[in-house]
PDB file of N, CA and C in Angstrom:
ATOM      1  N   MET A   1     -42.852  12.878  -4.553  1.00  0.00           N
ATOM      2  CA  MET A   1     -42.465  12.499  -3.461  1.00  0.00           C
ATOM      3  C   MET A   1     -41.873  10.950  -2.704  1.00  0.00           C
ATOM      4  N   VAL A   2     -40.691  10.650  -2.284  1.00  0.00           N
ATOM      5  CA  VAL A   2     -40.180   9.130  -2.064  1.00  0.00           C
ATOM      6  C   VAL A   2     -41.098   8.426  -1.250  1.00  0.00           C
ATOM      7  N   GLU A   3     -41.336   7.566  -0.689  1.00  0.00           N
ATOM      8  CA  GLU A   3     -41.230   6.731   0.508  1.00  0.00           C
ATOM      9  C   GLU A   3     -40.666   5.905   0.441  1.00  0.00           C
ATOM     10  N   PHE A   4     -40.133   5.232   1.873  1.00  0.00           N
ATOM     11  CA  PHE A   4     -39.341   4.347   1.724  1.00  0.00           C
ATOM     12  C   PHE A   4     -40.052   3.656   2.627  1.00  0.00           C
ATOM     13  N   GLU A   5     -39.340   1.912   2.588  1.00  0.00           N
ATOM     14  CA  GLU A   5     -40.064   0.982   3.400  1.00  0.00           C
ATOM     15  C   GLU A   5     -39.067  -0.072   3.415  1.00  0.00           C
ATOM     16  N   THR A   6     -38.485  -0.178   4.813  1.00  0.00           N
ATOM     17  CA  THR A   6     -37.973  -1.378   5.197  1.00  0.00           C
ATOM     18  C   THR A   6     -38.606  -2.974   4.953  1.00  0.00           C
ATOM     19  N   LYS A   7     -37.724  -3.295   4.490  1.00  0.00           N
ATOM     20  CA  LYS A   7     -38.216  -5.050   3.870  1.00  0.00           C
ATOM     21  C   LYS A   7     -37.448  -5.848   5.294  1.00  0.00           C
ATOM     22  N   GLU A   8     -36.245  -5.816   5.811  1.00  0.00           N
ATOM     23  CA  GLU A   8     -35.409  -6.380   6.574  1.00  0.00           C
ATOM     24  C   GLU A   8     -34.281  -5.667   7.159  1.00  0.00           C
ATOM     25  N   THR A   9     -33.892  -6.115   8.545  1.00  0.00           N
ATOM     26  CA  THR A   9     -32.862  -5.407   9.171  1.00  0.00           C
ATOM     27  C   THR A   9     -31.828  -6.482  10.092  1.00  0.00           C
ATOM     28  N   ARG A  10     -30.635  -6.119  10.023  1.00  0.00           N
ATOM     29  CA  ARG A  10     -29.720  -6.908  10.817  1.00  0.00           C
ATOM     30  C   ARG A  10     -28.943  -6.184  11.476  1.00  0.00           C
ATOM     31  N   GLU A  11     -28.682  -5.848  12.643  1.00  0.00           N
ATOM     32  CA  GLU A  11     -27.778  -5.168  13.476  1.00  0.00           C
ATOM     33  C   GLU A  11     -26.908  -6.198  13.988  1.00  0.00           C
ATOM     34  N   ILE A  12     -25.517  -5.212  13.908  1.00  0.00           N
ATOM     35  CA  ILE A  12     -24.417  -5.735  14.080  1.00  0.00           C
ATOM     36  C   ILE A  12     -23.930  -4.647  15.949  1.00  0.00           C
ATOM     37  N   THR A  13     -23.208  -5.002  17.013  1.00  0.00           N
ATOM     38  CA  THR A  13     -22.709  -3.576  17.710  1.00  0.00           C
ATOM     39  C   THR A  13     -21.517  -4.184  18.022  1.00  0.00           C
ATOM     40  N   PHE A  14     -20.941  -3.042  18.175  1.00  0.00           N
ATOM     41  CA  PHE A  14     -19.344  -3.532  18.076  1.00  0.00           C
ATOM     42  C   PHE A  14     -18.775  -1.518  19.335  1.00  0.00           C
ATOM     43  N   GLY A  15     -17.822  -2.034  20.086  1.00  0.00           N
ATOM     44  CA  GLY A  15     -17.477  -0.102  20.687  1.00  0.00           C
ATOM     45  C   GLY A  15     -18.598   0.039  21.614  1.00  0.00           C
ATOM     46  N   ASN A  16     -18.160   0.617  22.320  1.00  0.00           N
ATOM     47  CA  ASN A  16     -19.129   1.484  23.180  1.00  0.00           C
ATOM     48  C   ASN A  16     -20.521   2.319  22.337  1.00  0.00           C
ATOM     49  N   ASN A  17     -21.632   1.330  22.608  1.00  0.00           N
ATOM     50  CA  ASN A  17     -23.004   1.774  21.935  1.00  0.00           C
ATOM     51  C   ASN A  17     -22.696   2.544  20.450  1.00  0.00           C
ATOM     52  N   LYS A  18     -21.908   1.666  19.592  1.00  0.00           N
ATOM     53  CA  LYS A  18     -21.702   1.570  18.585  1.00  0.00           C
ATOM     54  C   LYS A  18     -22.524   0.233  17.499  1.00  0.00           C
ATOM     55  N   PHE A  19     -22.927   0.685  16.016  1.00  0.00           N
ATOM     56  CA  PHE A  19     -24.004  -0.146  15.870  1.00  0.00           C
ATOM     57  C   PHE A  19     -23.995  -0.244  14.245  1.00  0.00           C
ATOM     58  N   LEU A  20     -23.524  -1.021  13.410  1.00  0.00           N
ATOM     59  CA  LEU A  20     -24.102  -1.314  11.878  1.00  0.00           C
ATOM     60  C   LEU A  20     -25.134  -1.642  12.023  1.00  0.00           C
ATOM     61  N   GLU A  21     -25.792  -0.911  10.785  1.00  0.00           N
ATOM     62  CA  GLU A  21     -27.381  -1.684  10.564  1.00  0.00           C
ATOM     63  C   GLU A  21     -27.229  -2.073   9.119  1.00  0.00           C
ATOM     64  N   VAL A  22     -27.908  -3.447   8.383  1.00  0.00           N
ATOM     65  CA  VAL A  22     -27.441  -3.763   7.327  1.00  0.00           C
ATOM     66  C   VAL A  22     -29.255  -4.082   7.133  1.00  0.00           C
ATOM     67  N   ALA A  23     -29.436  -3.151   6.122  1.00  0.00           N
ATOM     68  CA  ALA A  23     -31.172  -3.208   5.366  1.00  0.00           C
ATOM     69  C   ALA A  23     -31.490  -3.855   4.055  1.00  0.00           C
ATOM     70  N   ARG A  24     -32.393  -4.174   3.891  1.00  0.00           N
ATOM     71  CA  ARG A  24     -33.099  -4.183   2.707  1.00  0.00           C
ATOM     72  C   ARG A  24     -34.802  -3.411   2.124  1.00  0.00           C
ATOM     73  N   LYS A  25     -34.161  -2.791   1.585  1.00  0.00           N
ATOM     74  CA  LYS A  25     -35.314  -1.564   1.707  1.00  0.00           C
ATOM     75  C   LYS A  25     -35.940  -1.004   0.062  1.00  0.00           C
ATOM     76  N   VAL A  26     -37.151  -0.533   0.141  1.00  0.00           N
ATOM     77  CA  VAL A  26     -37.175  -0.371  -0.973  1.00  0.00           C
ATOM     78  C   VAL A  26     -37.665   1.695  -1.245  1.00  0.00           C
ATOM     79  N   ALA A  27     -37.253   1.657  -2.003  1.00  0.00           N
ATOM     80  CA  ALA A  27     -37.782   2.933  -2.334  1.00  0.00           C
ATOM     81  C   ALA A  27     -38.885   3.484  -3.395  1.00  0.00           C
ATOM     82  N   LYS A  28     -40.166   3.482  -2.796  1.00  0.00           N
ATOM     83  CA  LYS A  28     -41.572   4.017  -3.684  1.00  0.00           C
ATOM     84  C   LYS A  28     -41.532   5.329  -4.311  1.00  0.00           C
ATOM     85  N   THR A  29     -41.808   5.775  -5.401  1.00  0.00           N
ATOM     86  CA  THR A  29     -42.379   6.956  -6.214  1.00  0.00           C
ATOM     87  C   THR A  29     -43.179   6.544  -7.574  1.00  0.00           C
ATOM     88  N   PRO A  30     -43.604   7.630  -7.379  1.00  0.00           N
ATOM     89  CA  PRO A  30     -45.256   7.480  -8.711  1.00  0.00           C
ATOM     90  C   PRO A  30     -45.034   6.752  -9.389  1.00  0.00           C
ATOM     91  N   GLU A  31     -43.452   6.795 -10.248  1.00  0.00           N
ATOM     92  CA  GLU A  31     -42.985   6.402 -11.817  1.00  0.00           C
ATOM     93  C   GLU A  31     -42.324   4.550 -10.946  1.00  0.00           C
ATOM     94  N   GLY A  32     -42.209   4.325  -9.796  1.00  0.00           N
ATOM     95  CA  GLY A  32     -42.409   2.770  -9.834  1.00  0.00           C
ATOM     96  C   GLY A  32     -41.685   2.756  -8.439  1.00  0.00           C
ATOM     97  N   GLU A  33     -40.994   1.782  -8.123  1.00  0.00           N
ATOM     98  CA  GLU A  33     -40.090   1.249  -7.066  1.00  0.00           C
ATOM     99  C   GLU A  33     -39.036   0.829  -7.568  1.00  0.00           C
ATOM    100  N   ASN A  34     -37.564   0.709  -6.478  1.00  0.00           N
ATOM    101  CA  ASN A  34     -36.580   0.750  -6.041  1.00  0.00           C
ATOM    102  C   ASN A  34     -35.848   0.077  -5.178  1.00  0.00           C
ATOM    103  N   GLU A  35     -35.529  -1.513  -5.364  1.00  0.00           N
ATOM    104  CA  GLU A  35     -35.157  -2.264  -4.296  1.00  0.00           C
ATOM    105  C   GLU A  35     -33.408  -2.024  -3.989  1.00  0.00           C
ATOM    106  N   PHE A  36     -32.624  -1.629  -2.666  1.00  0.00           N
ATOM    107  CA  PHE A  36     -31.788  -1.791  -2.226  1.00  0.00           C
ATOM    108  C   PHE A  36     -31.237  -1.799  -1.382  1.00  0.00           C
ATOM    109  N   ILE A  37     -30.180  -2.073  -1.119  1.00  0.00           N
ATOM    110  CA  ILE A  37     -29.286  -2.569   0.272  1.00  0.00           C
ATOM    111  C   ILE A  37     -28.598  -1.025   1.020  1.00  0.00           C
ATOM    112  N   SER A  38     -28.469  -0.941   2.270  1.00  0.00           N
ATOM    113  CA  SER A  38     -28.457  -0.034   3.105  1.00  0.00           C
ATOM    114  C   SER A  38     -27.761  -0.050   4.051  1.00  0.00           C
ATOM    115  N   ILE A  39     -26.370   0.031   4.117  1.00  0.00           N
ATOM    116  CA  ILE A  39     -24.994  -0.230   5.460  1.00  0.00           C
ATOM    117  C   ILE A  39     -25.242   1.001   6.183  1.00  0.00           C
ATOM    118  N   SER A  40     -25.911   1.024   7.333  1.00  0.00           N
ATOM    119  CA  SER A  40     -25.801   2.467   7.886  1.00  0.00           C
ATOM    120  C   SER A  40     -24.952   1.976   9.443  1.00  0.00           C
ATOM    121  N   LYS A  41     -24.047   2.950   9.729  1.00  0.00           N
ATOM    122  CA  LYS A  41     -23.263   3.252  11.076  1.00  0.00           C
ATOM    123  C   LYS A  41     -23.754   4.530  12.164  1.00  0.00           C
ATOM    124  N   GLY A  42     -24.082   4.324  13.153  1.00  0.00           N
ATOM    125  CA  GLY A  42     -24.566   4.568  14.224  1.00  0.00           C
ATOM    126  C   GLY A  42     -24.222   3.994  15.639  1.00  0.00           C
ATOM    127  N   PHE A  43     -24.728   5.083  16.857  1.00  0.00           N
ATOM    128  CA  PHE A  43     -24.477   5.327  18.075  1.00  0.00           C
ATOM    129  C   PHE A  43     -26.243   5.400  18.793  1.00  0.00           C
ATOM    130  N   VAL A  44     -26.009   4.459  19.881  1.00  0.00           N
ATOM    131  CA  VAL A  44     -27.094   4.362  20.687  1.00  0.00           C
ATOM    132  C   VAL A  44     -26.939   5.587  21.465  1.00  0.00           C
ATOM    133  N   VAL A  45     -27.855   6.520  22.083  1.00  0.00           N
ATOM    134  CA  VAL A  45     -27.702   7.993  22.756  1.00  0.00           C
ATOM    135  C   VAL A  45     -28.261   6.818  24.731  1.00  0.00           C
ATOM    136  N   PRO A  46     -27.760   8.040  25.831  1.00  0.00           N
ATOM    137  CA  PRO A  46     -28.150   7.198  26.915  1.00  0.00           C
ATOM    138  C   PRO A  46     -29.441   6.965  27.120  1.00  0.00           C
ATOM    139  N   THR A  47     -30.198   8.122  26.298  1.00  0.00           N
ATOM    140  CA  THR A  47     -31.909   7.453  26.612  1.00  0.00           C
ATOM    141  C   THR A  47     -32.145   5.896  25.553  1.00  0.00           C
ATOM    142  N   GLY A  48     -31.596   5.270  24.753  1.00  0.00           N
ATOM    143  CA  GLY A  48     -31.514   4.501  24.375  1.00  0.00           C
ATOM    144  C   GLY A  48     -32.095   4.958  22.574  1.00  0.00           C
ATOM    145  N   GLN A  49     -32.059   6.038  22.587  1.00  0.00           N
ATOM    146  CA  GLN A  49     -32.418   6.020  20.651  1.00  0.00           C
ATOM    147  C   GLN A  49     -31.273   5.998  20.166  1.00  0.00           C
ATOM    148  N   LYS A  50     -31.034   5.271  18.939  1.00  0.00           N
ATOM    149  CA  LYS A  50     -30.491   5.061  18.068  1.00  0.00           C
ATOM    150  C   LYS A  50     -30.685   6.343  17.245  1.00  0.00           C
ATOM    151  N   ARG A  51     -29.054   7.013  16.729  1.00  0.00           N
ATOM    152  CA  ARG A  51     -28.706   7.935  16.055  1.00  0.00           C
ATOM    153  C   ARG A  51     -27.572   7.460  14.857  1.00  0.00           C
ATOM    154  N   PHE A  52     -28.088   7.654  13.511  1.00  0.00           N
ATOM    155  CA  PHE A  52     -27.213   7.584  12.427  1.00  0.00           C
ATOM    156  C   PHE A  52     -26.310   8.471  12.402  1.00  0.00           C
ATOM    157  N   LYS A  53     -25.007   7.899  11.714  1.00  0.00           N
ATOM    158  CA  LYS A  53     -24.061   8.968  11.104  1.00  0.00           C
ATOM    159  C   LYS A  53     -24.047   9.401   9.736  1.00  0.00           C
ATOM    160  N   ASN A  54     -23.189   7.716   9.235  1.00  0.00           N
ATOM    161  CA  ASN A  54     -23.197   7.870   7.892  1.00  0.00           C
ATOM    162  C   ASN A  54     -23.976   6.095   6.973  1.00  0.00           C
ATOM    163  N   ALA A  55     -24.359   6.220   5.984  1.00  0.00           N
ATOM    164  CA  ALA A  55     -24.993   5.515   5.074  1.00  0.00           C
ATOM    165  C   ALA A  55     -24.649   4.844   3.767  1.00  0.00           C
ATOM    166  N   LEU A  56     -24.460   3.956   3.187  1.00  0.00           N
ATOM    167  CA  LEU A  56     -24.109   3.257   2.318  1.00  0.00           C
ATOM    168  C   LEU A  56     -24.934   2.745   1.505  1.00  0.00           C
ATOM    169  N   GLY A  57     -25.800   3.071   0.450  1.00  0.00           N
ATOM    170  CA  GLY A  57     -26.176   2.376  -0.319  1.00  0.00           C
ATOM    171  C   GLY A  57     -26.442   2.094  -1.596  1.00  0.00           C
ATOM    172  N   PHE A  58     -26.532   1.086  -2.154  1.00  0.00           N
ATOM    173  CA  PHE A  58     -26.647  -0.068  -3.372  1.00  0.00           C
ATOM    174  C   PHE A  58     -27.530  -0.769  -3.891  1.00  0.00           C
ATOM    175  N   PRO A  59     -28.102  -0.700  -5.553  1.00  0.00           N
ATOM    176  CA  PRO A  59     -28.914  -1.822  -5.864  1.00  0.00           C
ATOM    177  C   PRO A  59     -28.630  -3.373  -5.247  1.00  0.00           C
ATOM    178  N   ALA A  60     -30.017  -3.069  -5.070  1.00  0.00           N
ATOM    179  CA  ALA A  60     -30.124  -4.806  -4.312  1.00  0.00           C
ATOM    180  C   ALA A  60     -29.930  -5.970  -5.194  1.00  0.00           C
ATOM    181  N   GLU A  61     -28.693  -6.345  -6.016  1.00  0.00           N
ATOM    182  CA  GLU A  61     -28.665  -7.216  -6.826  1.00  0.00           C
ATOM    183  C   GLU A  61     -27.422  -7.838  -6.518  1.00  0.00           C
ATOM    184  N   LYS A  62     -27.916  -9.698  -6.801  1.00  0.00           N
ATOM    185  CA  LYS A  62     -27.312 -10.767  -6.085  1.00  0.00           C
ATOM    186  C   LYS A  62     -25.450 -10.617  -6.933  1.00  0.00           C
ATOM    187  N   GLU A  63     -25.240 -10.263  -8.136  1.00  0.00           N
ATOM    188  CA  GLU A  63     -23.719  -9.909  -8.241  1.00  0.00           C
ATOM    189  C   GLU A  63     -23.186  -8.590  -7.476  1.00  0.00           C
ATOM    190  N   ILE A  64     -23.992  -7.834  -7.335  1.00  0.00           N
ATOM    191  CA  ILE A  64     -23.519  -6.651  -6.414  1.00  0.00           C
ATOM    192  C   ILE A  64     -22.987  -7.408  -5.026  1.00  0.00           C
ATOM    193  N   LEU A  65     -23.975  -8.032  -4.297  1.00  0.00           N
ATOM    194  CA  LEU A  65     -23.569  -8.552  -2.656  1.00  0.00           C
ATOM    195  C   LEU A  65     -22.565  -9.921  -3.004  1.00  0.00           C
ATOM    196  N   GLU A  66     -22.635 -10.205  -3.976  1.00  0.00           N
ATOM    197  CA  GLU A  66     -21.840 -11.945  -4.062  1.00  0.00           C
ATOM    198  C   GLU A  66     -20.453 -10.492  -4.165  1.00  0.00           C
ATOM    199  N   LYS A  67     -20.398  -9.761  -4.719  1.00  0.00           N
ATOM    200  CA  LYS A  67     -18.940  -9.176  -4.990  1.00  0.00           C
ATOM    201  C   LYS A  67     -18.007  -9.000  -3.910  1.00  0.00           C
ATOM    202  N   LEU A  68     -19.400  -8.202  -3.284  1.00  0.00           N
ATOM    203  CA  LEU A  68     -19.273  -7.177  -1.622  1.00  0.00           C
ATOM    204  C   LEU A  68     -18.444  -8.421  -0.434  1.00  0.00           C
ATOM    205  N   VAL A  69     -19.219  -9.545  -0.244  1.00  0.00           N
ATOM    206  CA  VAL A  69     -19.331 -10.498   0.243  1.00  0.00           C
ATOM    207  C   VAL A  69     -17.692 -11.202  -0.022  1.00  0.00           C
ATOM    208  N   GLU A  70     -17.497 -11.392  -1.127  1.00  0.00           N
ATOM    209  CA  GLU A  70     -16.452 -11.998  -1.420  1.00  0.00           C
ATOM    210  C   GLU A  70     -15.017 -10.777  -1.180  1.00  0.00           C
ATOM    211  N   ALA A  71     -15.004  -9.768  -1.771  1.00  0.00           N
ATOM    212  CA  ALA A  71     -14.271  -8.634  -0.927  1.00  0.00           C
ATOM    213  C   ALA A  71     -13.916  -8.556   0.406  1.00  0.00           C
ATOM    214  N   LEU A  72     -15.199  -7.931   1.588  1.00  0.00           N
ATOM    215  CA  LEU A  72     -14.913  -8.376   2.833  1.00  0.00           C
ATOM    216  C   LEU A  72     -14.101  -9.566   3.413  1.00  0.00           C
ATOM    217  N   GLN A  73     -13.981 -10.820   2.271  1.00  0.00           N
ATOM    218  CA  GLN A  73     -13.980 -11.991   2.767  1.00  0.00           C
ATOM    219  C   GLN A  73     -12.358 -12.579   2.356  1.00  0.00           C
ATOM    220  N   GLN A  74     -12.165 -11.428   1.728  1.00  0.00           N
ATOM    221  CA  GLN A  74     -10.528 -11.404   1.387  1.00  0.00           C
ATOM    222  C   GLN A  74      -9.729 -10.028   1.825  1.00  0.00           C
ATOM    223  N   ILE A  75     -10.279  -9.322   2.916  1.00  0.00           N
ATOM    224  CA  ILE A  75      -9.492  -8.345   3.578  1.00  0.00           C
ATOM    225  C   ILE A  75      -9.688  -9.336   4.781  1.00  0.00           C
ATOM    226  N   MET A  76     -10.246 -10.178   5.055  1.00  0.00           N
ATOM    227  CA  MET A  76      -9.719 -10.627   6.563  1.00  0.00           C
ATOM    228  C   MET A  76      -8.635 -11.668   6.591  1.00  0.00           C
TER     229      MET A  76
END
């Protein structure tokens, strides 16, 4: 069984009740732990609850993060 722990999150709101959540998470299994970055897209329903639609996860490695930031800056 996999247990997930969220270490840190940041939220970016946009449009009508939409958001991106960037989080550092740890997946824990009997075999060990795996830290990763998750970028999720979602929306807020009228009751205030968050609903998630899509997510992308990748290893929390400095090289990957630097390349992602660089790629985002280059397309702006």
